[in-house]
C-alpha atoms as a PDB file:
ATOM      1  CA  UNK A   1     -16.408 -35.368 -33.685  1.00  0.00           C
ATOM      2  CA  UNK A   2     -12.854 -37.634 -32.477  1.00  0.00           C
ATOM      3  CA  UNK A   3     -10.969 -34.364 -33.332  1.00  0.00           C
ATOM      4  CA  UNK A   4     -13.212 -32.012 -31.527  1.00  0.00           C
ATOM      5  CA  UNK A   5     -12.341 -33.996 -28.541  1.00  0.00           C
ATOM      6  CA  UNK A   6      -9.349 -34.159 -29.135  1.00  0.00           C
ATOM      7  CA  UNK A   7      -8.991 -30.641 -28.942  1.00  0.00           C
ATOM      8  CA  UNK A   8     -11.220 -30.716 -26.026  1.00  0.00           C
ATOM      9  CA  UNK A   9      -9.043 -32.644 -23.911  1.00  0.00           C
ATOM     10  CA  UNK A  10      -5.550 -31.129 -24.736  1.00  0.00           C
ATOM     11  CA  UNK A  11      -7.402 -27.344 -23.387  1.00  0.00           C
ATOM     12  CA  UNK A  12      -7.276 -28.974 -20.284  1.00  0.00           C
ATOM     13  CA  UNK A  13      -3.835 -30.256 -19.770  1.00  0.00           C
ATOM     14  CA  UNK A  14      -0.811 -28.471 -18.328  1.00  0.00           C
ATOM     15  CA  UNK A  15       1.285 -27.471 -21.569  1.00  0.00           C
ATOM     16  CA  UNK A  16      -0.925 -27.938 -24.320  1.00  0.00           C
ATOM     17  CA  UNK A  17      -3.377 -24.934 -23.380  1.00  0.00           C
ATOM     18  CA  UNK A  18      -1.836 -22.140 -25.690  1.00  0.00           C
ATOM     19  CA  UNK A  19      -1.376 -24.392 -28.287  1.00  0.00           C
ATOM     20  CA  UNK A  20      -4.449 -25.767 -29.244  1.00  0.00           C
ATOM     21  CA  UNK A  21      -6.119 -22.551 -30.495  1.00  0.00           C
ATOM     22  CA  UNK A  22      -3.182 -23.363 -33.588  1.00  0.00           C
ATOM     23  CA  UNK A  23      -4.662 -26.479 -34.795  1.00  0.00           C
ATOM     24  CA  UNK A  24      -8.400 -25.382 -34.616  1.00  0.00           C
ATOM     25  CA  UNK A  25      -7.711 -22.977 -37.463  1.00  0.00           C
ATOM     26  CA  UNK A  26      -6.412 -26.385 -39.653  1.00  0.00           C
ATOM     27  CA  UNK A  27     -10.024 -27.660 -39.269  1.00  0.00           C
ATOM     28  CA  UNK A  28     -12.397 -28.012 -41.991  1.00  0.00           C
ATOM     29  CA  UNK A  29     -15.703 -25.858 -41.677  1.00  0.00           C
ATOM     30  CA  UNK A  30     -18.056 -28.787 -40.884  1.00  0.00           C
ATOM     31  CA  UNK A  31     -15.903 -29.878 -38.102  1.00  0.00           C
ATOM     32  CA  UNK A  32     -15.354 -26.431 -36.956  1.00  0.00           C
ATOM     33  CA  UNK A  33     -19.180 -25.489 -36.179  1.00  0.00           C
ATOM     34  CA  UNK A  34     -18.776 -29.107 -34.901  1.00  0.00           C
ATOM     35  CA  UNK A  35     -16.155 -28.320 -32.395  1.00  0.00           C
ATOM     36  CA  UNK A  36     -18.185 -25.222 -31.104  1.00  0.00           C
ATOM     37  CA  UNK A  37     -21.503 -27.339 -30.776  1.00  0.00           C
ATOM     38  CA  UNK A  38     -19.119 -29.549 -29.060  1.00  0.00           C
ATOM     39  CA  UNK A  39     -17.668 -27.345 -26.845  1.00  0.00           C
ATOM     40  CA  UNK A  40     -20.874 -25.612 -26.178  1.00  0.00           C
ATOM     41  CA  UNK A  41     -22.360 -29.236 -24.668  1.00  0.00           C
ATOM     42  CA  UNK A  42     -19.270 -29.321 -22.549  1.00  0.00           C
ATOM     43  CA  UNK A  43     -20.188 -25.314 -20.908  1.00  0.00           C
ATOM     44  CA  UNK A  44     -24.011 -26.491 -20.459  1.00  0.00           C
ATOM     45  CA  UNK A  45     -23.451 -29.939 -18.656  1.00  0.00           C
ATOM     46  CA  UNK A  46     -20.639 -28.984 -16.323  1.00  0.00           C
ATOM     47  CA  UNK A  47     -17.488 -29.879 -17.931  1.00  0.00           C
ATOM     48  CA  UNK A  48     -14.319 -28.289 -16.597  1.00  0.00           C
ATOM     49  CA  UNK A  49     -12.675 -26.388 -19.787  1.00  0.00           C
ATOM     50  CA  UNK A  50     -10.663 -23.426 -20.232  1.00  0.00           C
ATOM     51  CA  UNK A  51     -11.584 -21.217 -23.113  1.00  0.00           C
ATOM     52  CA  UNK A  52      -8.926 -21.754 -25.881  1.00  0.00           C
ATOM     53  CA  UNK A  53      -9.637 -18.481 -26.998  1.00  0.00           C
ATOM     54  CA  UNK A  54      -9.242 -16.292 -24.544  1.00  0.00           C
ATOM     55  CA  UNK A  55      -5.980 -14.915 -23.554  1.00  0.00           C
ATOM     56  CA  UNK A  56      -4.963 -16.094 -20.183  1.00  0.00           C
ATOM     57  CA  UNK A  57      -4.229 -13.515 -16.997  1.00  0.00           C
ATOM     58  CA  UNK A  58      -2.164 -14.821 -14.069  1.00  0.00           C
ATOM     59  CA  UNK A  59      -3.173 -12.439 -10.833  1.00  0.00           C
ATOM     60  CA  UNK A  60      -0.164 -12.240  -8.639  1.00  0.00           C
ATOM     61  CA  UNK A  61      -0.310 -10.665  -4.903  1.00  0.00           C
ATOM     62  CA  UNK A  62       3.055  -9.394  -2.821  1.00  0.00           C
ATOM     63  CA  UNK A  63       4.292 -10.342   0.207  1.00  0.00           C
ATOM     64  CA  UNK A  64       5.901  -8.641   3.235  1.00  0.00           C
ATOM     65  CA  UNK A  65       8.420  -5.797   2.389  1.00  0.00           C
ATOM     66  CA  UNK A  66       5.811  -4.228  -0.357  1.00  0.00           C
ATOM     67  CA  UNK A  67       4.454  -1.623   2.466  1.00  0.00           C
ATOM     68  CA  UNK A  68       4.923   2.434   1.859  1.00  0.00           C
ATOM     69  CA  UNK A  69       3.132   5.021   4.524  1.00  0.00           C
ATOM     70  CA  UNK A  70       0.085   6.293   2.564  1.00  0.00           C
ATOM     71  CA  UNK A  71      -0.938   2.569   1.163  1.00  0.00           C
ATOM     72  CA  UNK A  72      -4.307   2.200   0.385  1.00  0.00           C
ATOM     73  CA  UNK A  73      -5.827   5.793   1.187  1.00  0.00           C
ATOM     74  CA  UNK A  74      -6.594   6.300  -2.797  1.00  0.00           C
ATOM     75  CA  UNK A  75      -8.955   2.881  -2.652  1.00  0.00           C
ATOM     76  CA  UNK A  76     -10.389   4.313   0.308  1.00  0.00           C
ATOM     77  CA  UNK A  77     -10.904   7.545  -0.607  1.00  0.00           C
ATOM     78  CA  UNK A  78     -12.607   6.594  -4.340  1.00  0.00           C
ATOM     79  CA  UNK A  79     -14.743   3.162  -3.425  1.00  0.00           C
ATOM     80  CA  UNK A  80     -17.285   2.888  -1.118  1.00  0.00           C
ATOM     81  CA  UNK A  81     -16.884  -1.307  -1.336  1.00  0.00           C
ATOM     82  CA  UNK A  82     -13.516  -0.231  -0.511  1.00  0.00           C
ATOM     83  CA  UNK A  83     -14.322   1.644   2.240  1.00  0.00           C
ATOM     84  CA  UNK A  84     -16.353  -0.473   3.525  1.00  0.00           C
ATOM     85  CA  UNK A  85     -13.935  -3.564   4.029  1.00  0.00           C
ATOM     86  CA  UNK A  86     -11.271  -1.368   5.371  1.00  0.00           C
ATOM     87  CA  UNK A  87     -13.821  -0.491   8.070  1.00  0.00           C
ATOM     88  CA  UNK A  88     -14.562  -4.041   8.460  1.00  0.00           C
ATOM     89  CA  UNK A  89     -11.207  -4.989   8.786  1.00  0.00           C
ATOM     90  CA  UNK A  90     -10.491  -2.258  11.633  1.00  0.00           C
ATOM     91  CA  UNK A  91     -13.110  -4.069  13.600  1.00  0.00           C
ATOM     92  CA  UNK A  92     -11.991  -7.717  13.003  1.00  0.00           C
ATOM     93  CA  UNK A  93      -7.979  -6.532  14.291  1.00  0.00           C
ATOM     94  CA  UNK A  94      -9.356  -4.208  17.177  1.00  0.00           C
ATOM     95  CA  UNK A  95      -7.613  -1.549  15.927  1.00  0.00           C
ATOM     96  CA  UNK A  96      -7.723   1.321  12.892  1.00  0.00           C
ATOM     97  CA  UNK A  97      -5.200  -0.416  11.457  1.00  0.00           C
ATOM     98  CA  UNK A  98      -5.815   2.146   8.288  1.00  0.00           C
ATOM     99  CA  UNK A  99      -4.720   5.177  10.318  1.00  0.00           C
ATOM    100  CA  UNK A 100      -1.140   3.344  10.292  1.00  0.00           C
ATOM    101  CA  UNK A 101      -1.330   2.646   6.565  1.00  0.00           C
ATOM    102  CA  UNK A 102      -2.267   6.105   5.592  1.00  0.00           C
ATOM    103  CA  UNK A 103      -0.523   8.250   7.878  1.00  0.00           C
ATOM    104  CA  UNK A 104       1.806   5.618  10.065  1.00  0.00           C
ATOM    105  CA  UNK A 105       5.848   5.924   9.615  1.00  0.00           C
ATOM    106  CA  UNK A 106       8.089   3.156   8.179  1.00  0.00           C
ATOM    107  CA  UNK A 107       8.655   2.105  11.685  1.00  0.00           C
ATOM    108  CA  UNK A 108       5.057   1.121  11.966  1.00  0.00           C
ATOM    109  CA  UNK A 109       4.251  -0.297   8.933  1.00  0.00           C
ATOM    110  CA  UNK A 110       7.430  -2.797   9.884  1.00  0.00           C
ATOM    111  CA  UNK A 111       5.545  -3.947  12.796  1.00  0.00           C
ATOM    112  CA  UNK A 112       4.452  -7.686  12.076  1.00  0.00           C
ATOM    113  CA  UNK A 113       0.814  -7.281  13.600  1.00  0.00           C
ATOM    114  CA  UNK A 114       0.694  -4.153  11.091  1.00  0.00           C
ATOM    115  CA  UNK A 115       2.528  -5.263   7.828  1.00  0.00           C
ATOM    116  CA  UNK A 116       1.174  -8.483   7.022  1.00  0.00           C
ATOM    117  CA  UNK A 117      -2.212  -7.557   7.045  1.00  0.00           C
ATOM    118  CA  UNK A 118      -1.641  -4.024   5.846  1.00  0.00           C
ATOM    119  CA  UNK A 119      -0.412  -5.468   2.496  1.00  0.00           C
ATOM    120  CA  UNK A 120      -3.221  -8.283   2.392  1.00  0.00           C
ATOM    121  CA  UNK A 121      -5.791  -5.309   2.624  1.00  0.00           C
ATOM    122  CA  UNK A 122      -4.347  -3.428   0.081  1.00  0.00           C
ATOM    123  CA  UNK A 123      -3.957  -6.402  -2.232  1.00  0.00           C
ATOM    124  CA  UNK A 124      -7.200  -7.753  -2.071  1.00  0.00           C
ATOM    125  CA  UNK A 125      -9.812  -4.439  -2.325  1.00  0.00           C
ATOM    126  CA  UNK A 126      -7.793  -3.532  -5.296  1.00  0.00           C
ATOM    127  CA  UNK A 127      -8.770  -6.819  -6.274  1.00  0.00           C
ATOM    128  CA  UNK A 128     -12.105  -6.661  -5.134  1.00  0.00           C
ATOM    129  CA  UNK A 129     -13.069  -3.271  -6.605  1.00  0.00           C
ATOM    130  CA  UNK A 130     -11.356  -4.316  -9.702  1.00  0.00           C
ATOM    131  CA  UNK A 131     -13.845  -3.957 -12.566  1.00  0.00           C
ATOM    132  CA  UNK A 132     -12.586  -6.673 -14.995  1.00  0.00           C
ATOM    133  CA  UNK A 133     -11.220  -9.110 -12.637  1.00  0.00           C
ATOM    134  CA  UNK A 134     -11.025 -12.248 -14.264  1.00  0.00           C
ATOM    135  CA  UNK A 135      -8.166 -14.564 -12.961  1.00  0.00           C
ATOM    136  CA  UNK A 136      -7.512 -17.691 -14.783  1.00  0.00           C
ATOM    137  CA  UNK A 137      -4.888 -18.434 -12.200  1.00  0.00           C
ATOM    138  CA  UNK A 138      -3.538 -17.097  -8.942  1.00  0.00           C
ATOM    139  CA  UNK A 139      -0.264 -16.875  -7.158  1.00  0.00           C
ATOM    140  CA  UNK A 140       0.793 -15.011  -4.119  1.00  0.00           C
ATOM    141  CA  UNK A 141       4.228 -14.586  -2.753  1.00  0.00           C
ATOM    142  CA  UNK A 142       4.737 -15.405   0.969  1.00  0.00           C
ATOM    143  CA  UNK A 143       2.017 -13.692   2.464  1.00  0.00           C
ATOM    144  CA  UNK A 144       0.538 -12.845  -0.739  1.00  0.00           C
ATOM    145  CA  UNK A 145      -0.863 -15.948  -1.352  1.00  0.00           C
ATOM    146  CA  UNK A 146      -3.557 -15.495   1.220  1.00  0.00           C
ATOM    147  CA  UNK A 147      -4.346 -12.295  -0.591  1.00  0.00           C
ATOM    148  CA  UNK A 148      -4.732 -15.002  -3.806  1.00  0.00           C
ATOM    149  CA  UNK A 149      -6.946 -17.402  -1.603  1.00  0.00           C
ATOM    150  CA  UNK A 150      -9.037 -14.333  -1.232  1.00  0.00           C
ATOM    151  CA  UNK A 151      -9.401 -13.552  -5.017  1.00  0.00           C
ATOM    152  CA  UNK A 152      -9.852 -16.779  -6.305  1.00  0.00           C
ATOM    153  CA  UNK A 153     -12.888 -17.530  -3.248  1.00  0.00           C
ATOM    154  CA  UNK A 154     -11.271 -19.792  -1.479  1.00  0.00           C
ATOM    155  CA  UNK A 155     -11.298 -17.966   1.773  1.00  0.00           C
ATOM    156  CA  UNK A 156     -14.133 -15.218   2.809  1.00  0.00           C
ATOM    157  CA  UNK A 157     -12.311 -11.685   3.113  1.00  0.00           C
ATOM    158  CA  UNK A 158     -13.039 -12.143   6.971  1.00  0.00           C
ATOM    159  CA  UNK A 159     -11.617 -15.443   7.478  1.00  0.00           C
ATOM    160  CA  UNK A 160      -8.222 -14.654   5.367  1.00  0.00           C
ATOM    161  CA  UNK A 161      -7.586 -11.322   7.313  1.00  0.00           C
ATOM    162  CA  UNK A 162      -8.101 -13.448  10.344  1.00  0.00           C
ATOM    163  CA  UNK A 163      -5.985 -16.376   9.219  1.00  0.00           C
ATOM    164  CA  UNK A 164      -3.105 -13.627   8.222  1.00  0.00           C
ATOM    165  CA  UNK A 165      -3.423 -11.471  11.801  1.00  0.00           C
ATOM    166  CA  UNK A 166      -3.098 -14.983  13.625  1.00  0.00           C
ATOM    167  CA  UNK A 167      -0.391 -16.021  11.063  1.00  0.00           C
ATOM    168  CA  UNK A 168       1.607 -12.228  11.946  1.00  0.00           C
ATOM    169  CA  UNK A 169       1.157 -12.786  15.974  1.00  0.00           C
ATOM    170  CA  UNK A 170       2.588 -16.630  15.447  1.00  0.00           C
ATOM    171  CA  UNK A 171       5.750 -15.652  12.941  1.00  0.00           C
ATOM    172  CA  UNK A 172       6.486 -12.571  15.492  1.00  0.00           C
ATOM    173  CA  UNK A 173       6.644 -14.813  18.408  1.00  0.00           C
ATOM    174  CA  UNK A 174       9.129 -17.522  16.658  1.00  0.00           C
ATOM    175  CA  UNK A 175      11.345 -14.774  15.814  1.00  0.00           C
ATOM    176  CA  UNK A 176      11.521 -13.861  19.586  1.00  0.00           C
ATOM    177  CA  UNK A 177      12.271 -17.028  20.579  1.00  0.00           C
ATOM    178  CA  UNK A 178      15.734 -17.309  18.820  1.00  0.00           C
ATOM    179  CA  UNK A 179      17.758 -14.973  17.128  1.00  0.00           C
ATOM    180  CA  UNK A 180      17.683 -15.381  13.691  1.00  0.00           C
ATOM    181  CA  UNK A 181      18.255 -13.500   9.992  1.00  0.00           C
ATOM    182  CA  UNK A 182      17.955 -13.672   6.329  1.00  0.00           C
ATOM    183  CA  UNK A 183      20.237 -12.866   3.064  1.00  0.00           C
ATOM    184  CA  UNK A 184      20.004 -11.948  -0.436  1.00  0.00           C
ATOM    185  CA  UNK A 185      22.258 -13.587  -2.244  1.00  0.00           C
ATOM    186  CA  UNK A 186      22.896 -12.304  -6.718  1.00  0.00           C
ATOM    187  CA  UNK A 187      24.341 -13.991  -9.356  1.00  0.00           C
ATOM    188  CA  UNK A 188      24.363 -17.632  -8.425  1.00  0.00           C
ATOM    189  CA  UNK A 189      23.161 -20.396  -9.748  1.00  0.00           C
ATOM    190  CA  UNK A 190      20.360 -22.131  -7.270  1.00  0.00           C
ATOM    191  CA  UNK A 191      22.118 -25.487  -7.114  1.00  0.00           C
ATOM    192  CA  UNK A 192      25.565 -23.858  -5.764  1.00  0.00           C
ATOM    193  CA  UNK A 193      23.222 -21.960  -3.128  1.00  0.00           C
ATOM    194  CA  UNK A 194      21.431 -25.143  -2.239  1.00  0.00           C
ATOM    195  CA  UNK A 195      24.901 -27.247  -1.780  1.00  0.00           C
ATOM    196  CA  UNK A 196      26.554 -24.375   0.226  1.00  0.00           C
ATOM    197  CA  UNK A 197      23.548 -24.202   2.391  1.00  0.00           C
ATOM    198  CA  UNK A 198      23.668 -27.579   3.368  1.00  0.00           C
ATOM    199  CA  UNK A 199      27.434 -27.732   4.497  1.00  0.00           C
ATOM    200  CA  UNK A 200      26.937 -25.018   6.861  1.00  0.00           C
ATOM    201  CA  UNK A 201      27.116 -26.638  10.090  1.00  0.00           C
ATOM    202  CA  UNK A 202      24.036 -24.608  11.602  1.00  0.00           C
ATOM    203  CA  UNK A 203      20.427 -23.698  10.782  1.00  0.00           C
ATOM    204  CA  UNK A 204      20.794 -21.634   6.935  1.00  0.00           C
ATOM    205  CA  UNK A 205      18.120 -22.960   4.371  1.00  0.00           C
ATOM    206  CA  UNK A 206      17.101 -21.154   0.640  1.00  0.00           C
ATOM    207  CA  UNK A 207      14.178 -19.598   1.655  1.00  0.00           C
ATOM    208  CA  UNK A 208      12.930 -17.227  -1.236  1.00  0.00           C
ATOM    209  CA  UNK A 209      13.699 -18.574  -5.331  1.00  0.00           C
ATOM    210  CA  UNK A 210      12.549 -15.212  -6.737  1.00  0.00           C
ATOM    211  CA  UNK A 211      14.180 -14.937  -9.744  1.00  0.00           C
ATOM    212  CA  UNK A 212      17.254 -16.617 -11.913  1.00  0.00           C
ATOM    213  CA  UNK A 213      20.018 -15.581  -9.795  1.00  0.00           C
ATOM    214  CA  UNK A 214      18.274 -14.078  -6.984  1.00  0.00           C
ATOM    215  CA  UNK A 215      17.433 -16.209  -4.006  1.00  0.00           C
ATOM    216  CA  UNK A 216      17.224 -15.210  -0.038  1.00  0.00           C
ATOM    217  CA  UNK A 217      18.875 -17.562   2.514  1.00  0.00           C
ATOM    218  CA  UNK A 218      17.665 -18.147   5.784  1.00  0.00           C
ATOM    219  CA  UNK A 219      18.552 -18.855   9.480  1.00  0.00           C
ATOM    220  CA  UNK A 220      20.174 -18.582  12.514  1.00  0.00           C
ATOM    221  CA  UNK A 221      22.166 -15.023  12.913  1.00  0.00           C
ATOM    222  CA  UNK A 222      25.996 -17.407  12.638  1.00  0.00           C
ATOM    223  CA  UNK A 223      24.594 -19.909  10.145  1.00  0.00           C
ATOM    224  CA  UNK A 224      23.021 -17.381   7.647  1.00  0.00           C
ATOM    225  CA  UNK A 225      26.939 -14.762   8.186  1.00  0.00           C
ATOM    226  CA  UNK A 226      29.263 -18.593   7.320  1.00  0.00           C
ATOM    227  CA  UNK A 227      26.678 -18.653   4.029  1.00  0.00           C
ATOM    228  CA  UNK A 228      27.257 -15.365   2.962  1.00  0.00           C
ATOM    229  CA  UNK A 229      30.856 -15.679   3.508  1.00  0.00           C
ATOM    230  CA  UNK A 230      31.334 -19.625   1.560  1.00  0.00           C
ATOM    231  CA  UNK A 231      29.113 -17.740  -1.326  1.00  0.00           C
ATOM    232  CA  UNK A 232      31.023 -15.183  -1.798  1.00  0.00           C
ATOM    233  CA  UNK A 233      33.840 -17.202  -2.390  1.00  0.00           C
ATOM    234  CA  UNK A 234      32.284 -19.258  -4.767  1.00  0.00           C
ATOM    235  CA  UNK A 235      31.266 -16.267  -6.789  1.00  0.00           C
ATOM    236  CA  UNK A 236      28.226 -14.182  -5.474  1.00  0.00           C
ATOM    237  CA  UNK A 237      27.915 -10.678  -6.700  1.00  0.00           C
ATOM    238  CA  UNK A 238      26.605 -10.104  -3.332  1.00  0.00           C
ATOM    239  CA  UNK A 239      25.440 -11.419  -0.322  1.00  0.00           C
ATOM    240  CA  UNK A 240      23.758  -9.036   1.976  1.00  0.00           C
ATOM    241  CA  UNK A 241      21.853  -9.599   5.333  1.00  0.00           C
ATOM    242  CA  UNK A 242      19.042  -8.110   5.213  1.00  0.00           C
ATOM    243  CA  UNK A 243      17.482  -5.759   7.880  1.00  0.00           C
ATOM    244  CA  UNK A 244      14.236  -8.675   8.702  1.00  0.00           C
ATOM    245  CA  UNK A 245      13.354  -9.862  12.188  1.00  0.00           C
ATOM    246  CA  UNK A 246      13.568 -13.496  11.835  1.00  0.00           C
ATOM    247  CA  UNK A 247      14.324 -16.380   9.513  1.00  0.00           C
ATOM    248  CA  UNK A 248      10.651 -16.627   7.635  1.00  0.00           C
ATOM    249  CA  UNK A 249      10.676 -20.087   5.429  1.00  0.00           C
ATOM    250  CA  UNK A 250      13.188 -22.063   7.628  1.00  0.00           C
ATOM    251  CA  UNK A 251      12.845 -24.398  10.009  1.00  0.00           C
ATOM    252  CA  UNK A 252      13.192 -21.874  12.805  1.00  0.00           C
ATOM    253  CA  UNK A 253       8.886 -20.968  11.753  1.00  0.00           C
ATOM    254  CA  UNK A 254       8.204 -24.932  13.221  1.00  0.00           C
ATOM    255  CA  UNK A 255       6.688 -23.198  16.620  1.00  0.00           C
ATOM    256  CA  UNK A 256       4.329 -20.881  13.920  1.00  0.00           C
ATOM    257  CA  UNK A 257       3.093 -23.143  11.839  1.00  0.00           C
ATOM    258  CA  UNK A 258       2.252 -25.243  14.462  1.00  0.00           C
ATOM    259  CA  UNK A 259       0.194 -22.054  15.648  1.00  0.00           C
ATOM    260  CA  UNK A 260      -0.751 -21.648  12.433  1.00  0.00           C
ATOM    261  CA  UNK A 261      -2.007 -25.066  11.132  1.00  0.00           C
ATOM    262  CA  UNK A 262      -4.509 -25.220  14.274  1.00  0.00           C
ATOM    263  CA  UNK A 263      -6.200 -22.092  13.075  1.00  0.00           C
ATOM    264  CA  UNK A 264      -6.397 -22.842   9.074  1.00  0.00           C
ATOM    265  CA  UNK A 265      -7.323 -26.445  10.092  1.00  0.00           C
ATOM    266  CA  UNK A 266     -10.510 -24.259  11.899  1.00  0.00           C
ATOM    267  CA  UNK A 267     -11.104 -22.351   9.171  1.00  0.00           C
ATOM    268  CA  UNK A 268     -13.769 -23.003   5.643  1.00  0.00           C
ATOM    269  CA  UNK A 269     -11.874 -23.395   2.597  1.00  0.00           C
ATOM    270  CA  UNK A 270     -14.346 -23.362  -0.240  1.00  0.00           C
ATOM    271  CA  UNK A 271     -13.525 -24.687  -3.933  1.00  0.00           C
ATOM    272  CA  UNK A 272     -12.012 -21.664  -5.829  1.00  0.00           C
ATOM    273  CA  UNK A 273     -13.047 -20.401  -8.881  1.00  0.00           C
ATOM    274  CA  UNK A 274      -9.635 -20.797 -10.431  1.00  0.00           C
ATOM    275  CA  UNK A 275      -6.349 -22.817  -9.310  1.00  0.00           C
ATOM    276  CA  UNK A 276      -3.586 -20.938  -6.880  1.00  0.00           C
ATOM    277  CA  UNK A 277      -0.142 -22.242  -7.503  1.00  0.00           C
ATOM    278  CA  UNK A 278       1.205 -22.980  -4.362  1.00  0.00           C
ATOM    279  CA  UNK A 279       4.529 -21.781  -3.351  1.00  0.00           C
ATOM    280  CA  UNK A 280       5.940 -24.952  -1.237  1.00  0.00           C
ATOM    281  CA  UNK A 281       5.568 -26.953  -4.961  1.00  0.00           C
ATOM    282  CA  UNK A 282       4.895 -23.984  -7.747  1.00  0.00           C
ATOM    283  CA  UNK A 283       2.049 -26.186  -9.014  1.00  0.00           C
ATOM    284  CA  UNK A 284      -1.630 -25.501  -9.312  1.00  0.00           C
ATOM    285  CA  UNK A 285      -3.928 -26.668  -6.890  1.00  0.00           C
ATOM    286  CA  UNK A 286      -7.876 -26.537  -6.842  1.00  0.00           C
ATOM    287  CA  UNK A 287      -8.827 -28.978  -4.270  1.00  0.00           C
ATOM    288  CA  UNK A 288      -9.241 -27.442  -0.762  1.00  0.00           C
ATOM    289  CA  UNK A 289      -7.260 -30.150   1.285  1.00  0.00           C
ATOM    290  CA  UNK A 290      -4.797 -29.733  -0.574  1.00  0.00           C
ATOM    291  CA  UNK A 291      -4.752 -26.303  -0.592  1.00  0.00           C
ATOM    292  CA  UNK A 292      -5.323 -26.555   3.134  1.00  0.00           C
ATOM    293  CA  UNK A 293      -2.189 -28.743   3.784  1.00  0.00           C
ATOM    294  CA  UNK A 294       0.242 -26.594   1.476  1.00  0.00           C
ATOM    295  CA  UNK A 295      -0.898 -23.221   2.826  1.00  0.00           C
ATOM    296  CA  UNK A 296       0.437 -25.022   6.546  1.00  0.00           C
ATOM    297  CA  UNK A 297       3.731 -26.079   4.569  1.00  0.00           C
ATOM    298  CA  UNK A 298       4.595 -22.618   3.609  1.00  0.00           C
ATOM    299  CA  UNK A 299       5.557 -21.417   7.124  1.00  0.00           C
ATOM    300  CA  UNK A 300       8.465 -23.783   6.946  1.00  0.00           C
ATOM    301  CA  UNK A 301       9.419 -24.806   3.369  1.00  0.00           C
ATOM    302  CA  UNK A 302      10.711 -22.513   0.474  1.00  0.00           C
ATOM    303  CA  UNK A 303       8.685 -19.923  -2.170  1.00  0.00           C
ATOM    304  CA  UNK A 304       9.127 -21.349  -5.332  1.00  0.00           C
ATOM    305  CA  UNK A 305       8.162 -17.938  -7.438  1.00  0.00           C
ATOM    306  CA  UNK A 306      10.416 -18.823 -10.147  1.00  0.00           C
ATOM    307  CA  UNK A 307       9.133 -22.364 -10.456  1.00  0.00           C
ATOM    308  CA  UNK A 308       5.742 -20.440 -10.033  1.00  0.00           C
ATOM    309  CA  UNK A 309       5.960 -18.229 -12.647  1.00  0.00           C
ATOM    310  CA  UNK A 310       7.819 -20.944 -15.251  1.00  0.00           C
ATOM    311  CA  UNK A 311       4.395 -23.038 -14.627  1.00  0.00           C
ATOM    312  CA  UNK A 312       1.779 -20.279 -15.004  1.00  0.00           C
ATOM    313  CA  UNK A 313       3.627 -19.542 -18.606  1.00  0.00           C
ATOM    314  CA  UNK A 314       3.497 -23.117 -19.448  1.00  0.00           C
ATOM    315  CA  UNK A 315       0.310 -23.446 -18.439  1.00  0.00           C
ATOM    316  CA  UNK A 316      -0.917 -20.613 -21.139  1.00  0.00           C
ATOM    317  CA  UNK A 317      -1.061 -16.966 -19.113  1.00  0.00           C
ATOM    318  CA  UNK A 318       0.164 -14.298 -21.590  1.00  0.00           C
ATOM    319  CA  UNK A 319      -0.340 -11.327 -19.126  1.00  0.00           C
ATOM    320  CA  UNK A 320       0.741 -11.225 -14.686  1.00  0.00           C
ATOM    321  CA  UNK A 321      -1.269  -8.736 -13.168  1.00  0.00           C
ATOM    322  CA  UNK A 322      -0.098  -7.613  -9.525  1.00  0.00           C
ATOM    323  CA  UNK A 323      -2.649  -6.537  -7.522  1.00  0.00           C
ATOM    324  CA  UNK A 324      -1.104  -4.860  -4.213  1.00  0.00           C
ATOM    325  CA  UNK A 325       1.151  -2.233  -3.424  1.00  0.00           C
ATOM    326  CA  UNK A 326       4.439  -1.538  -5.731  1.00  0.00           C
ATOM    327  CA  UNK A 327       5.688  -3.732  -8.566  1.00  0.00           C
ATOM    328  CA  UNK A 328       8.328  -5.992  -7.071  1.00  0.00           C
ATOM    329  CA  UNK A 329       6.506  -9.167  -8.408  1.00  0.00           C
ATOM    330  CA  UNK A 330       6.181  -7.763 -11.940  1.00  0.00           C
ATOM    331  CA  UNK A 331      10.185  -6.800 -12.020  1.00  0.00           C
ATOM    332  CA  UNK A 332      10.840 -10.584 -11.046  1.00  0.00           C
ATOM    333  CA  UNK A 333       8.092 -11.544 -13.464  1.00  0.00           C
ATOM    334  CA  UNK A 334      10.078 -10.032 -16.523  1.00  0.00           C
ATOM    335  CA  UNK A 335      13.198 -10.993 -14.518  1.00  0.00           C
ATOM    336  CA  UNK A 336      12.033 -15.020 -15.065  1.00  0.00           C
ATOM    337  CA  UNK A 337      10.958 -14.341 -18.848  1.00  0.00           C
ATOM    338  CA  UNK A 338      11.180 -11.142 -20.319  1.00  0.00           C
ATOM    339  CA  UNK A 339       8.515 -11.461 -23.270  1.00  0.00           C
ATOM    340  CA  UNK A 340       5.544 -12.006 -20.194  1.00  0.00           C
ATOM    341  CA  UNK A 341       3.085  -8.860 -20.220  1.00  0.00           C
ATOM    342  CA  UNK A 342       3.212  -7.446 -16.641  1.00  0.00           C
ATOM    343  CA  UNK A 343       0.648  -4.895 -15.150  1.00  0.00           C
ATOM    344  CA  UNK A 344      -0.560  -3.594 -12.276  1.00  0.00           C
ATOM    345  CA  UNK A 345      -4.674  -3.463 -10.737  1.00  0.00           C
END
């Protein structure tokens, strides 16, 4: 029975879950039966246990930039549940966001007060009407973390949408305070980008670790421009300033972080159905207080997407399912781990 205990323990540990299956095949028949008897009682008594014979699935949720005209219209027209959720969102937001999502122009969709809730709604509703939505772990890129937290039941649909709307408004306000921007850097090691940003005598920091060789920096207009010049001189294939309205995931978002923190602290967080791998540290969390504090820190901290995907794979995921508009995250996952299985809801 000691060996069975060992397998039960290993199946709950980071980095060990996917290997325990291999060990089971070497069990003698009697021990094999004992293992499953023990497994049954672990489940019946409420033990936290990952079922080691199941392929682990990670559901991932995109962030700002994935929007397009017509997004979500098919969900609205083909599912009564989706239609009800969209209409509820219209009431909560105080305007018909569905009109902009389904037939708005690209310019209308780029407005922060539309973009963030639109992507959130598409992502969350796609997951909610999926017939086989059974995540072992979830994660979201920037804004997508809020979608992930609704999908794993940490936040209610209504509370998640209200927080996203508050986030969008707070970020827009911070952007209006000071001119700022972001730039995509391709073809340099993360350490080189970090070093050069630290040498600039202005605000510029790594903001999105998207995949190896692709990092987005964020800061003041002059800070980003100076960094781009030095990064190109250091051998970057590209250092391209992006058409965004502000320096997201940088110290310039501190006013927005403070404003959003108040809303997050007044929102009820529930025990999630599975871990969420959070942007600020790329680690899984189920403790609601930890999730809350990490979510507050997210606005001024970098998105560690590369590390999130790597940690999910280490922890046993075998496939990544993207919920929401586009396939950007699937592309990033493949660049991080070429053998990963990816799909859309």
